[in-house]
Protein backbone atom coordinates (compact mmCIF):
# COMPACT_ATOMS: atom_id res chain seq x y z
CA MET A 1 -64.15 7.63 39.78
CA LYS A 2 -61.23 7.28 41.95
CA LEU A 3 -61.91 9.56 45.01
CA ARG A 4 -59.16 10.75 47.21
CA VAL A 5 -60.04 10.44 50.79
CA ARG A 6 -58.70 12.22 54.36
CA THR A 7 -59.43 12.26 57.94
CA VAL A 8 -57.84 13.81 60.49
CA PRO A 9 -58.62 15.39 63.56
CA LEU A 10 -60.62 18.75 64.12
CA ASP A 11 -60.62 21.37 66.95
CA GLU A 12 -64.10 22.64 66.26
CA PRO A 13 -66.18 22.72 69.74
CA ARG A 14 -69.43 23.85 67.87
CA PRO A 15 -72.43 23.14 67.15
CA LEU A 16 -72.69 20.45 64.24
CA LEU A 17 -75.26 21.69 62.86
CA ASP A 18 -74.17 25.60 62.88
CA LEU A 19 -71.13 23.81 60.41
CA PRO A 20 -72.48 23.50 57.09
CA PRO A 21 -71.79 26.54 54.98
CA ASP A 22 -74.43 25.64 52.12
CA PRO A 23 -78.25 24.76 53.53
CA ARG A 24 -79.43 23.63 50.10
CA SER A 25 -76.63 20.62 50.39
CA ALA A 26 -76.31 19.79 54.07
CA LEU A 27 -76.64 16.19 55.35
CA SER A 28 -77.11 15.46 59.11
CA TRP A 29 -77.42 12.71 61.16
CA VAL A 30 -76.79 13.81 65.03
CA ARG A 31 -78.11 12.96 68.63
CA ARG A 32 -77.27 14.14 71.33
CA GLY A 33 -74.96 16.88 69.87
CA GLU A 34 -72.74 14.32 68.38
CA GLY A 35 -72.96 12.12 65.01
CA LEU A 36 -72.32 13.70 61.28
CA VAL A 37 -73.19 16.47 59.16
CA ALA A 38 -72.18 17.30 55.45
CA TRP A 39 -72.12 18.98 52.63
CA GLY A 40 -71.16 19.18 49.01
CA GLU A 41 -71.34 16.29 46.57
CA ALA A 42 -68.60 13.78 45.62
CA ALA A 43 -70.82 11.39 44.16
CA ARG A 44 -75.09 10.38 44.23
CA LEU A 45 -75.73 6.67 43.63
CA ARG A 46 -79.40 6.24 42.53
CA PRO A 47 -79.98 2.16 43.36
CA GLY A 48 -83.10 2.06 41.27
CA LEU A 49 -86.79 0.28 42.37
CA GLY A 50 -87.30 -3.20 43.46
CA GLU A 51 -86.80 -5.05 47.13
CA GLU A 52 -83.08 -5.24 45.59
CA ARG A 53 -82.57 -1.48 45.77
CA PHE A 54 -80.98 -2.01 49.33
CA ASP A 55 -78.44 -4.52 48.29
CA ALA A 56 -78.08 -2.09 45.16
CA ALA A 57 -76.91 0.34 46.23
CA ASP A 58 -74.79 -1.63 48.89
CA ALA A 59 -72.85 -3.11 45.73
CA ALA A 60 -72.48 0.18 44.02
CA PHE A 61 -70.72 2.07 46.52
CA GLY A 62 -68.69 -1.37 47.27
CA ASP A 63 -67.69 -0.80 43.88
CA LEU A 64 -67.44 3.18 44.27
CA ALA A 65 -64.98 2.06 47.17
CA ALA A 66 -63.23 -0.23 45.93
CA ASP A 67 -60.70 3.00 44.04
CA ALA A 68 -60.92 5.02 46.45
CA GLU A 69 -57.35 5.99 47.97
CA VAL A 70 -58.27 6.73 52.17
CA VAL A 71 -56.00 8.08 54.58
CA ASP A 72 -57.62 8.21 57.66
CA GLU A 73 -55.46 9.37 61.31
CA VAL A 74 -58.76 9.08 63.52
CA GLU A 75 -60.62 5.87 63.12
CA ARG A 76 -64.10 6.08 64.55
CA PRO A 77 -67.35 4.85 63.26
CA GLY A 78 -68.19 7.11 61.04
CA THR A 79 -64.86 9.01 60.00
CA GLY A 80 -62.59 7.96 56.47
CA LEU A 81 -65.31 7.25 53.16
CA ILE A 82 -69.08 7.11 54.31
CA ALA A 83 -72.20 7.88 52.56
CA PHE A 84 -75.95 9.22 53.60
CA GLY A 85 -78.67 7.29 52.19
CA SER A 86 -82.76 7.57 52.03
CA PHE A 87 -84.96 5.37 50.77
CA SER A 88 -87.81 4.97 49.09
CA PHE A 89 -90.93 3.44 51.31
CA ASP A 90 -92.48 1.67 48.25
CA ALA A 91 -89.93 -0.58 46.39
CA ASP A 92 -91.43 0.19 43.21
CA ALA A 93 -91.25 4.23 43.82
CA ALA A 94 -88.17 6.43 42.93
CA GLY A 95 -86.18 8.46 45.14
CA SER A 96 -84.29 6.40 46.53
CA ARG A 97 -80.39 7.15 47.28
CA LEU A 98 -76.79 7.40 48.44
CA ILE A 99 -75.09 10.75 48.18
CA VAL A 100 -71.28 10.84 49.14
CA PRO A 101 -70.96 14.08 50.53
CA ARG A 102 -67.69 16.15 49.50
CA VAL A 103 -67.04 17.45 53.49
CA VAL A 104 -68.25 15.72 57.26
CA VAL A 105 -67.53 16.34 60.02
CA GLY A 106 -67.53 14.21 63.33
CA ARG A 107 -68.30 14.33 66.49
CA ARG A 108 -68.73 10.87 68.37
CA ASP A 109 -67.12 9.75 72.07
CA GLY A 110 -66.02 13.64 72.54
CA VAL A 111 -63.50 14.04 69.36
CA THR A 112 -64.14 15.76 66.53
CA TRP A 113 -62.80 14.88 62.88
CA LEU A 114 -62.95 16.66 59.30
CA THR A 115 -63.10 14.35 55.97
CA THR A 116 -62.46 15.30 52.83
CA ILE A 117 -63.93 13.69 49.59
CA ASP A 118 -62.27 14.80 46.78
CA PRO A 119 -63.38 13.40 42.92
CA PRO A 120 -60.32 13.39 40.33
CA GLY A 121 -59.90 17.52 39.38
CA ALA A 122 -62.62 18.74 41.83
CA ALA A 123 -61.80 22.03 42.86
CA PRO A 124 -61.07 22.35 47.14
CA ALA A 125 -64.81 21.89 49.44
CA ASP A 126 -65.97 24.16 50.90
CA SER A 127 -65.30 25.38 54.79
CA PRO A 128 -67.43 25.18 57.35
CA ALA A 129 -69.74 27.72 58.14
CA ASP A 130 -68.51 30.60 59.99
CA ALA A 131 -71.81 31.67 60.88
CA PRO A 132 -74.83 29.34 61.33
CA SER A 133 -77.66 29.75 58.02
CA THR A 134 -80.39 32.30 59.89
CA ALA A 135 -84.17 31.99 57.46
CA VAL A 136 -85.87 35.56 57.54
CA ARG A 137 -89.73 34.62 58.11
CA ARG A 138 -91.99 36.79 56.81
CA ASP A 139 -94.66 34.66 56.63
CA ARG A 140 -96.20 32.12 58.73
CA PRO A 141 -96.60 28.72 57.03
CA ARG A 142 -99.88 27.58 55.54
CA TYR A 143 -101.94 24.40 55.19
CA ALA A 144 -102.45 23.48 51.85
CA GLY A 145 -104.87 20.47 51.85
CA SER A 146 -104.15 16.68 52.59
CA SER A 147 -104.17 13.33 50.06
CA LYS A 148 -107.22 12.46 51.86
CA PRO A 149 -109.55 14.49 53.54
CA ASP A 150 -110.30 13.48 57.32
CA LEU A 151 -113.67 11.70 56.49
CA HIS A 152 -112.56 9.69 53.70
CA TRP A 153 -109.57 8.71 56.38
CA LEU A 154 -111.40 8.06 58.74
CA GLU A 155 -113.38 5.23 56.93
CA ALA A 156 -110.63 3.63 55.10
CA VAL A 157 -109.11 2.74 58.73
CA ALA A 158 -112.65 1.71 59.11
CA ALA A 159 -112.26 -0.65 56.05
CA ALA A 160 -108.96 -1.82 57.59
CA ILE A 161 -110.45 -2.73 61.27
CA GLU A 162 -113.18 -4.93 59.06
CA ARG A 163 -111.03 -6.74 56.77
CA ILE A 164 -108.39 -6.93 59.80
CA HIS A 165 -111.67 -8.49 61.50
CA ALA A 166 -112.16 -10.85 58.94
CA GLY A 167 -109.07 -12.96 59.71
CA GLU A 168 -107.01 -10.99 55.94
CA LEU A 169 -104.30 -9.60 58.17
CA ASP A 170 -103.34 -8.85 61.87
CA LYS A 171 -101.90 -5.14 62.00
CA VAL A 172 -101.21 -2.53 59.28
CA VAL A 173 -99.96 0.66 59.79
CA LEU A 174 -102.11 4.04 57.52
CA ALA A 175 -100.78 7.17 57.04
CA ARG A 176 -102.14 10.75 56.31
CA ASP A 177 -99.57 13.57 55.31
CA HIS A 178 -100.37 17.14 55.62
CA ALA A 179 -99.03 19.72 52.99
CA LEU A 180 -98.11 23.65 54.00
CA TRP A 181 -96.45 26.70 52.09
CA SER A 182 -94.75 29.39 52.73
CA HIS A 183 -93.72 32.62 51.11
CA GLU A 184 -89.95 31.48 51.45
CA PRO A 185 -88.18 28.64 50.99
CA PHE A 186 -88.24 27.03 54.26
CA ASP A 187 -84.00 26.27 55.71
CA PRO A 188 -83.21 22.85 56.31
CA LEU A 189 -80.48 23.56 58.48
CA GLU A 190 -82.57 26.09 61.16
CA LEU A 191 -85.28 23.52 60.93
CA ALA A 192 -83.16 20.58 62.48
CA ARG A 193 -81.81 23.07 64.99
CA ARG A 194 -84.80 23.22 66.50
CA LEU A 195 -85.87 19.90 66.14
CA THR A 196 -82.69 19.17 68.51
CA VAL A 197 -83.86 21.16 71.06
CA ARG A 198 -86.76 19.96 71.22
CA PHE A 199 -86.10 16.10 70.90
CA PRO A 200 -82.53 15.38 72.45
CA HIS A 201 -82.87 12.14 72.57
CA CYS A 202 -84.14 12.11 69.16
CA HIS A 203 -81.61 11.53 65.94
CA THR A 204 -81.80 14.25 63.76
CA PHE A 205 -81.74 13.72 60.00
CA VAL A 206 -81.37 16.07 56.83
CA ALA A 207 -81.66 14.12 54.29
CA ASP A 208 -82.00 15.35 50.72
CA GLY A 209 -84.55 17.87 51.60
CA LEU A 210 -86.13 14.94 54.00
CA VAL A 211 -85.75 16.96 56.98
CA GLY A 212 -87.00 15.44 60.77
CA ALA A 213 -86.35 13.82 64.01
CA THR A 214 -87.16 9.76 64.86
CA PRO A 215 -87.29 8.15 67.79
CA GLU A 216 -86.86 4.74 66.36
CA LEU A 217 -83.62 3.85 65.91
CA LEU A 218 -84.17 0.62 62.99
CA LEU A 219 -80.45 -0.65 63.07
CA SER A 220 -76.80 0.20 63.84
CA ARG A 221 -73.52 -1.91 63.06
CA ALA A 222 -70.56 -1.78 64.33
CA GLY A 223 -67.90 -4.38 63.61
CA ARG A 224 -70.61 -6.91 65.20
CA THR A 225 -72.67 -5.73 67.17
CA VAL A 226 -76.18 -4.71 66.15
CA ARG A 227 -78.72 -2.99 68.00
CA SER A 228 -82.23 -2.03 67.23
CA HIS A 229 -85.06 0.21 68.96
CA VAL A 230 -88.46 -0.52 68.55
CA LEU A 231 -91.94 1.37 69.25
CA ALA A 232 -95.33 1.28 68.10
CA GLY A 233 -98.17 1.85 70.51
CA THR A 234 -98.71 5.34 71.37
CA THR A 235 -100.42 8.02 73.65
CA GLY A 236 -99.94 11.92 74.81
CA ARG A 237 -98.32 13.80 77.91
CA SER A 238 -99.39 16.12 80.17
CA LEU A 239 -98.54 19.10 82.26
CA ASP A 240 -99.62 17.40 85.10
CA GLU A 241 -97.03 14.85 86.58
CA ALA A 242 -99.69 12.71 88.27
CA GLU A 243 -101.67 12.81 84.99
CA ASP A 244 -98.52 12.33 82.94
CA ALA A 245 -97.56 9.07 84.79
CA ALA A 246 -101.52 8.06 84.22
CA LEU A 247 -101.37 7.91 80.78
CA GLY A 248 -98.23 5.73 80.69
CA ALA A 249 -99.37 3.42 83.13
CA ALA A 250 -102.42 3.52 80.37
CA LEU A 251 -100.25 2.23 77.56
CA LEU A 252 -98.98 -0.23 78.96
CA ALA A 253 -102.28 -1.77 80.31
CA SER A 254 -103.87 -1.50 76.84
CA ASP A 255 -104.17 -4.31 75.36
CA LYS A 256 -104.56 -2.56 71.88
CA ASP A 257 -101.20 -1.15 72.23
CA LEU A 258 -99.37 -3.64 73.57
CA ALA A 259 -101.08 -6.53 70.06
CA GLU A 260 -99.49 -3.91 68.04
CA HIS A 261 -95.96 -3.12 70.00
CA ARG A 262 -95.83 -7.28 69.48
CA PHE A 263 -96.13 -7.54 65.82
CA ALA A 264 -93.55 -4.75 65.25
CA ALA A 265 -91.18 -6.26 67.47
CA ALA A 266 -91.84 -9.58 66.27
CA SER A 267 -91.37 -8.58 62.79
CA VAL A 268 -87.61 -7.04 64.02
CA ASP A 269 -86.82 -9.85 65.68
CA ALA A 270 -87.55 -12.24 62.97
CA VAL A 271 -84.23 -10.81 60.98
CA LEU A 272 -81.90 -10.00 63.28
CA ALA A 273 -82.51 -13.45 65.24
CA PRO A 274 -81.40 -15.76 62.50
CA ARG A 275 -78.64 -13.20 61.86
CA CYS A 276 -77.21 -13.10 65.50
CA ARG A 277 -74.78 -15.60 67.23
CA GLN A 278 -76.35 -13.84 70.43
CA LEU A 279 -79.63 -11.57 70.77
CA ASP A 280 -80.46 -9.80 73.75
CA VAL A 281 -84.23 -8.65 73.74
CA ASP A 282 -86.11 -6.51 76.63
CA PRO A 283 -88.17 -8.76 78.02
CA GLU A 284 -91.45 -6.24 78.00
CA PRO A 285 -92.01 -2.96 76.64
CA ARG A 286 -91.00 0.30 78.23
CA LEU A 287 -91.76 3.69 77.90
CA LEU A 288 -90.00 6.54 76.02
CA ARG A 289 -91.58 9.68 76.85
CA LEU A 290 -90.32 12.34 73.81
CA ASP A 291 -91.92 16.22 74.15
CA ASN A 292 -94.95 15.07 73.18
CA VAL A 293 -96.29 11.99 72.85
CA GLN A 294 -94.79 8.68 74.69
CA HIS A 295 -94.64 5.32 72.85
CA LEU A 296 -94.16 1.34 73.79
CA ALA A 297 -90.23 0.92 73.09
CA THR A 298 -88.38 -3.13 72.65
CA THR A 299 -84.27 -2.57 72.74
CA PHE A 300 -82.34 -5.44 70.88
CA ALA A 301 -79.10 -5.83 70.90
CA GLY A 302 -76.65 -8.61 69.54
CA GLU A 303 -73.50 -10.65 67.93
CA LEU A 304 -73.84 -10.68 64.02
CA SER A 305 -72.53 -14.56 63.45
CA ASP A 306 -71.61 -13.29 59.12
CA ASP A 307 -70.46 -10.74 58.21
CA HIS A 308 -73.68 -8.59 57.07
CA SER A 309 -73.68 -5.48 56.21
CA SER A 310 -75.56 -2.78 57.74
CA LEU A 311 -77.82 -1.78 54.36
CA ASP A 312 -78.11 -6.16 53.81
CA ILE A 313 -79.90 -5.93 57.25
CA VAL A 314 -82.07 -2.26 56.73
CA GLY A 315 -83.44 -4.34 53.24
CA ALA A 316 -84.52 -7.39 55.46
CA LEU A 317 -85.77 -5.46 58.18
CA HIS A 318 -87.76 -2.76 55.85
CA PRO A 319 -90.44 -2.16 56.14
CA THR A 320 -91.48 -3.61 59.75
CA ALA A 321 -94.24 -3.83 61.47
CA ALA A 322 -94.29 -0.85 63.12
CA VAL A 323 -94.67 1.33 59.39
CA GLY A 324 -96.27 -1.46 57.37
CA GLY A 325 -98.18 -3.89 59.41
CA THR A 326 -98.45 -7.85 59.39
CA PRO A 327 -98.31 -9.73 57.65
CA ARG A 328 -95.96 -7.94 55.76
CA ASP A 329 -97.32 -8.19 52.05
CA ARG A 330 -100.97 -8.50 52.85
CA ALA A 331 -100.49 -4.86 55.15
CA GLN A 332 -98.20 -3.72 51.60
CA SER A 333 -101.09 -4.80 49.32
CA LEU A 334 -104.31 -3.00 51.53
CA ILE A 335 -101.65 0.41 52.45
CA ARG A 336 -101.41 0.59 48.42
CA GLU A 337 -105.45 0.12 48.55
CA LEU A 338 -106.39 2.68 51.19
CA GLU A 339 -104.24 5.23 52.22
CA GLY A 340 -104.65 7.27 49.21
CA MET A 341 -100.71 8.88 48.97
CA ASP A 342 -97.57 8.42 47.95
CA ARG A 343 -95.83 8.10 51.07
CA GLY A 344 -92.52 9.14 48.85
CA ARG A 345 -89.27 8.09 51.84
CA TYR A 346 -91.79 9.24 54.89
CA ALA A 347 -91.46 5.89 56.89
CA ALA A 348 -88.53 4.31 54.70
CA PRO A 349 -84.78 4.45 56.09
CA VAL A 350 -82.42 6.91 56.70
CA GLY A 351 -79.15 7.64 57.77
CA TRP A 352 -75.29 6.48 56.78
CA THR A 353 -73.11 3.24 55.96
CA ALA A 354 -69.95 2.85 55.39
CA PRO A 355 -67.84 -0.04 52.65
CA ASP A 356 -67.08 -2.13 55.32
CA GLY A 357 -70.29 -1.87 56.59
CA ASP A 358 -71.35 -0.01 59.63
CA GLY A 359 -73.35 2.21 59.81
CA GLU A 360 -76.60 3.69 61.16
CA TRP A 361 -80.66 4.05 59.72
CA GLY A 362 -83.49 5.15 61.58
CA ILE A 363 -86.78 4.88 60.19
CA ALA A 364 -87.52 8.26 59.20
CA LEU A 365 -90.38 9.36 61.04
CA ARG A 366 -91.64 12.96 63.02
CA CYS A 367 -90.36 14.50 59.10
CA ALA A 368 -91.24 16.75 56.27
CA GLU A 369 -89.79 16.70 53.35
CA LEU A 370 -89.01 20.09 51.18
CA THR A 371 -90.01 21.43 48.08
CA GLY A 372 -88.42 25.37 47.92
CA ALA A 373 -91.01 26.64 50.14
CA ARG A 374 -93.79 23.88 50.28
CA ALA A 375 -93.18 21.11 52.92
CA ARG A 376 -94.98 17.71 53.20
CA LEU A 377 -95.64 16.53 57.00
CA PHE A 378 -96.77 12.84 57.28
CA ALA A 379 -98.16 11.07 60.34
CA GLY A 380 -99.21 6.85 60.55
CA VAL A 381 -100.69 4.97 62.89
CA GLY A 382 -101.21 1.16 64.15
CA VAL A 383 -104.45 0.14 63.24
CA VAL A 384 -105.15 -3.63 64.40
CA ALA A 385 -108.61 -5.27 65.89
CA GLY A 386 -109.38 -2.73 68.62
CA SER A 387 -108.58 0.34 67.18
CA LEU A 388 -110.85 2.78 66.52
CA PRO A 389 -111.01 5.15 63.82
CA GLU A 390 -111.66 8.71 65.54
CA ALA A 391 -108.51 7.49 68.05
CA GLU A 392 -106.59 7.00 65.01
CA LEU A 393 -107.37 10.29 63.74
CA GLU A 394 -106.60 12.20 67.23
CA GLU A 395 -103.14 10.06 67.59
CA THR A 396 -102.14 11.25 63.94
CA ARG A 397 -102.81 15.32 64.76
CA LEU A 398 -100.77 14.65 68.20
CA LYS A 399 -97.54 12.99 65.45
CA LEU A 400 -97.78 16.23 63.59
CA ARG A 401 -97.68 18.45 66.40
CA ALA A 402 -93.96 18.00 66.86
CA MET A 403 -92.92 19.41 63.10
CA LEU A 404 -96.13 21.58 62.90
CA ALA A 405 -94.66 23.36 66.10
CA VAL A 406 -90.78 23.85 64.33
CA LEU A 407 -91.82 23.97 60.96
CA ASP A 408 -94.11 27.22 62.15
CA PRO A 409 -92.57 27.83 66.25
CA ALA A 410 -94.59 31.01 66.87
CA GLY A 411 -98.29 30.01 65.95
CA ALA A 412 -97.95 25.68 65.99
CA ASP A 413 -99.91 24.12 68.95
CA ALA A 414 -96.94 22.60 70.82
């Protein structure tokens, strides 16, 4: 299939998330008013199962790009032919995909552009919407249960702690889900707009029914320059300034959270260091304060020593110890044994890629999987030797509040 791709400057001052004409086919990767939105579908690539699914996606997109006719009048990261992607957390689970849209509107450093991607014989794609889509809500979302009741999940965390004390592994991330239903379908664009207001410093993504705002940048690649932001270790926020500062100081001094964070940072360093001729790393974790939580954060910035694509590196990184555990194989095995649910695309890479290997990929956290009037939310915690099951359950409740607040802004406890 020979795609015709054209990128031109666009005079469009409106917010990016107001532009897709149909929320059902919308895609997005937006932060602080910049990024990419898209709609329509020129091609869908399914890389299949296995650890090699990232390489398979990269190769399939490369084959598609090799035959494309591209005219790019803007030439910035994200112009020309791009694909939006989201992957399954588990290598043996279905659901990974790359989507090449029909229309992309991008904005970077104040420059806005329009890309059209036309398959042979395709009718003209829809133009940007005249007004943002709106969702009329007549019914509040209602709780529909979890894959594992609270008591069973507490027992799973306790079992994981026993295995850690027995020396089987150092850390494992256990997640739980929270299902909601409503009489009306959820509007992914409306949820994304609410997320950008509540979490302006996060990357807000819409990817084929997966909607969220992730604070964790797994990898960005622009030429040979790469960056990654690692988060692990969490506490709450307070409206009282002194109490909020005390919570942050306690997190920075917490042996349990610092140990959890070290494992996560080490798993990223093990992938980036051998691929970079230069790699700068924060000497100590810092605080990242978001609307409802505070995280320990470490930033990596490097120059690649070879022409590794973003998907190549993402495949090597996933799953980091921030969402899986360490050692990786033992943690993955324990997740399958104890967690009691299919994560789907939660805690897996989500973002975009270009044929030259550039791209931006986050970890699908603080997200919901939407299916019409059904929504499935997720939250996970890092379990280490110093963990307490009740405290870990409370942390998942704290993390779930973010998506509950945007799904039901009138009734959720923010």
